[in-house]
Protein backbone atom coordinates (compact mmCIF):
# COMPACT_ATOMS: atom_id res chain seq x y z
CA MET A 1 27.11 -1.23 -2.22
CA SER A 2 23.35 -0.86 -1.44
CA ARG A 3 22.94 -2.54 2.33
CA ILE A 4 19.12 -3.35 1.39
CA GLY A 5 19.94 -4.25 -2.59
CA LYS A 6 22.78 -6.70 -2.05
CA ASN A 7 20.33 -8.82 0.55
CA PRO A 8 18.42 -11.72 -1.81
CA VAL A 9 14.85 -11.91 -1.15
CA PRO A 10 13.57 -15.40 -0.29
CA VAL A 11 10.78 -16.99 -2.38
CA PRO A 12 8.43 -19.35 -0.46
CA LYS A 13 7.00 -22.52 -1.78
CA GLY A 14 3.84 -21.67 -3.89
CA VAL A 15 5.36 -18.54 -5.73
CA LYS A 16 6.30 -18.50 -9.43
CA VAL A 17 8.74 -15.75 -10.18
CA SER A 18 9.63 -15.35 -13.83
CA LEU A 19 11.55 -12.81 -15.98
CA SER A 20 9.66 -11.96 -19.22
CA GLY A 21 10.54 -8.90 -21.54
CA GLY A 22 12.26 -6.90 -19.21
CA ALA A 23 9.88 -7.28 -16.53
CA LEU A 24 9.68 -9.43 -13.15
CA VAL A 25 6.67 -11.48 -12.73
CA VAL A 26 5.41 -13.11 -9.62
CA GLU A 27 2.90 -15.29 -9.18
CA GLY A 28 1.10 -16.93 -6.06
CA PRO A 29 -1.88 -17.95 -4.04
CA LEU A 30 -3.04 -14.71 -4.05
CA GLY A 31 -2.48 -13.43 -7.49
CA LYS A 32 0.00 -12.18 -10.12
CA LEU A 33 1.94 -9.16 -10.12
CA GLU A 34 4.40 -7.65 -12.89
CA HIS A 35 7.03 -5.00 -12.63
CA ARG A 36 8.88 -3.11 -15.38
CA LEU A 37 12.67 -3.30 -14.73
CA HIS A 38 14.81 -0.38 -14.79
CA PRO A 39 17.90 -0.98 -17.38
CA ALA A 40 20.42 -0.13 -14.58
CA VAL A 41 19.59 -3.23 -12.48
CA ARG A 42 19.62 -6.89 -13.62
CA VAL A 43 17.47 -9.53 -11.63
CA GLN A 44 18.15 -13.26 -11.49
CA VAL A 45 16.25 -16.20 -10.21
CA ASP A 46 17.86 -18.67 -8.12
CA ASP A 47 16.42 -22.20 -7.74
CA SER A 48 18.69 -24.18 -5.36
CA PRO A 49 17.76 -21.64 -2.43
CA ALA A 50 14.83 -20.08 -3.95
CA GLN A 51 15.50 -16.47 -4.29
CA ILE A 52 15.59 -13.17 -6.22
CA VAL A 53 18.93 -11.62 -6.62
CA VAL A 54 19.16 -8.01 -7.90
CA THR A 55 22.53 -6.64 -8.88
CA ARG A 56 23.39 -3.27 -10.88
CA ASP A 57 25.45 -2.27 -13.58
CA GLY A 58 27.82 0.12 -12.57
CA ASP A 59 27.88 2.97 -9.88
CA GLY A 60 26.10 5.78 -11.15
CA ARG A 61 23.85 7.62 -9.43
CA THR A 62 20.79 5.99 -10.55
CA ALA A 63 21.95 2.44 -10.69
CA ARG A 64 22.67 3.14 -6.97
CA ALA A 65 19.27 4.53 -6.09
CA VAL A 66 17.33 2.10 -8.41
CA HIS A 67 19.44 -1.05 -6.92
CA GLY A 68 17.82 -0.97 -3.54
CA LEU A 69 14.42 -0.03 -4.93
CA THR A 70 13.96 -2.86 -7.22
CA ARG A 71 15.05 -5.25 -4.20
CA ALA A 72 12.23 -3.57 -2.00
CA LEU A 73 9.60 -3.83 -4.67
CA ALA A 74 10.37 -7.37 -5.52
CA ALA A 75 10.27 -8.28 -1.68
CA ASN A 76 6.74 -6.39 -1.52
CA MET A 77 5.51 -8.19 -4.23
CA VAL A 78 6.78 -11.81 -3.30
CA GLU A 79 5.00 -10.59 0.38
CA GLY A 80 1.64 -9.42 -1.68
CA VAL A 81 1.15 -12.59 -3.51
CA THR A 82 1.68 -14.79 -0.28
CA LYS A 83 -0.06 -12.64 2.30
CA GLY A 84 -1.41 -9.74 1.12
CA TYR A 85 -1.41 -6.30 2.44
CA GLU A 86 -4.20 -4.19 4.41
CA LYS A 87 -4.57 -0.91 5.53
CA ARG A 88 -7.54 -0.16 8.18
CA LEU A 89 -9.15 3.56 8.44
CA GLU A 90 -11.20 4.84 11.32
CA ILE A 91 -13.74 7.51 10.72
CA VAL A 92 -14.29 9.90 13.73
CA GLY A 93 -17.17 12.16 14.17
CA VAL A 94 -20.79 12.33 15.25
CA GLY A 95 -22.99 11.18 11.95
CA TYR A 96 -19.87 10.30 10.07
CA LEU A 97 -20.21 7.10 8.62
CA ALA A 98 -19.06 4.59 5.48
CA ALA A 99 -20.61 1.95 3.72
CA VAL A 100 -19.87 -0.19 0.58
CA GLN A 101 -22.06 -0.49 -2.40
CA LYS A 102 -20.85 -2.59 -5.29
CA ASN A 103 -17.78 -1.22 -6.27
CA VAL A 104 -18.04 2.40 -4.68
CA LEU A 105 -17.19 3.40 -0.95
CA GLN A 106 -20.01 5.73 0.46
CA LEU A 107 -18.95 8.29 2.78
CA ARG A 108 -20.62 10.68 4.84
CA VAL A 109 -18.26 12.91 6.61
CA GLY A 110 -19.65 16.26 7.25
CA PHE A 111 -20.19 17.78 4.08
CA ALA A 112 -23.50 18.60 2.37
CA ASN A 113 -23.24 15.64 0.17
CA GLU A 114 -22.41 12.16 0.45
CA LEU A 115 -18.74 11.28 -1.11
CA GLN A 116 -18.75 8.58 -3.88
CA VAL A 117 -15.08 7.03 -4.26
CA PRO A 118 -14.82 4.36 -6.68
CA ILE A 119 -13.29 1.15 -5.83
CA PRO A 120 -10.25 -0.09 -8.01
CA SER A 121 -10.60 -3.30 -9.54
CA ASN A 122 -7.17 -4.65 -8.02
CA ILE A 123 -8.25 -3.96 -4.48
CA THR A 124 -10.99 -5.10 -1.96
CA VAL A 125 -13.03 -2.74 0.36
CA ALA A 126 -15.11 -3.57 3.45
CA CYS A 127 -16.80 -2.23 6.10
CA PRO A 128 -16.91 -4.36 9.41
CA ASP A 129 -18.83 -1.40 11.00
CA GLN A 130 -19.99 2.11 10.26
CA THR A 131 -16.95 3.87 11.50
CA HIS A 132 -14.05 1.45 10.28
CA VAL A 133 -13.01 0.46 6.48
CA SER A 134 -10.75 -2.31 5.82
CA ILE A 135 -8.99 -1.91 2.42
CA LYS A 136 -7.17 -5.22 1.05
CA GLY A 137 -4.86 -6.10 -2.10
CA ILE A 138 -2.04 -7.73 -3.07
CA ASP A 139 -0.42 -4.63 -4.46
CA LYS A 140 1.35 -2.46 -1.70
CA GLN A 141 1.09 0.71 -3.47
CA ALA A 142 -2.21 0.25 -4.65
CA VAL A 143 -3.88 -0.07 -1.15
CA GLY A 144 -1.72 2.42 0.37
CA GLN A 145 -2.48 5.08 -2.22
CA PHE A 146 -6.12 4.17 -2.06
CA ALA A 147 -6.10 4.44 1.76
CA ALA A 148 -4.15 7.75 1.32
CA GLU A 149 -6.86 9.34 -1.04
CA VAL A 150 -9.88 8.11 1.08
CA ARG A 151 -8.39 10.00 4.20
CA ALA A 152 -7.37 13.01 2.07
CA LEU A 153 -10.88 13.68 1.74
CA ARG A 154 -11.33 14.39 5.52
CA LYS A 155 -8.36 14.77 7.16
CA PRO A 156 -8.22 14.53 11.19
CA GLU A 157 -8.59 18.09 12.42
CA PRO A 158 -6.76 18.95 15.41
CA TYR A 159 -9.31 20.57 17.47
CA LYS A 160 -11.74 17.98 18.16
CA GLY A 161 -10.18 14.89 16.33
CA LYS A 162 -13.06 14.56 13.70
CA GLY A 163 -12.25 13.16 10.32
CA ILE A 164 -10.68 10.05 8.67
CA ARG A 165 -7.41 8.56 10.15
CA TYR A 166 -5.60 5.40 9.78
CA GLU A 167 -6.32 2.91 12.91
CA ASN A 168 -3.80 3.56 15.48
CA GLU A 169 -2.88 6.77 14.56
CA HIS A 170 -2.40 9.69 16.64
CA VAL A 171 -3.67 13.06 16.16
CA ARG A 172 -1.90 15.94 17.90
CA ARG A 173 -4.71 17.98 19.36
CA LYS A 174 -4.70 21.74 20.42
CA ALA A 175 -6.34 23.89 22.89
CA GLY A 176 -9.02 25.69 21.71
CA LYS A 177 -9.31 29.77 22.07
CA ALA A 178 -11.33 29.25 25.03
CA VAL A 179 -8.06 28.12 26.84
CA THR A 180 -6.44 31.45 26.73
CA LYS A 181 -9.57 33.18 28.84
């Protein structure tokens, strides 16, 4: 039995959970999320203690794998519609900066051209200052994916540490060739 999968997901007040057509729908104060369920798992919504219980049909390899995954995704959906998710990026380098105009993130990170990254509709991006980017949304996967795509445009390099990194990310620095002399 999956240790993660057997734990029920508590549903806080103000969150509505429903099952419709093989999909789990979670609606809360910040928005609405939907996830298609795998046929190897069953989801029940209990009312007395408001919780989501995930069970699996058999002990097959995919059923065991999807059991804990479905429970974790349900927990992420409940947390997303109540608190939301946020990723913070930091831009390090002389002349490197970021700005948001309408639904486009503009980055100047040492290339000849300014990078224009379209912002998906289900997340919000803000730049509190020119060297920090805040990515917020209710879908954990969408927020993390967009943050990873922006970071991949100019990863932190190991010699000077210039580039786009997550806030509080440790970048291993290397000594340059001048150290050997």
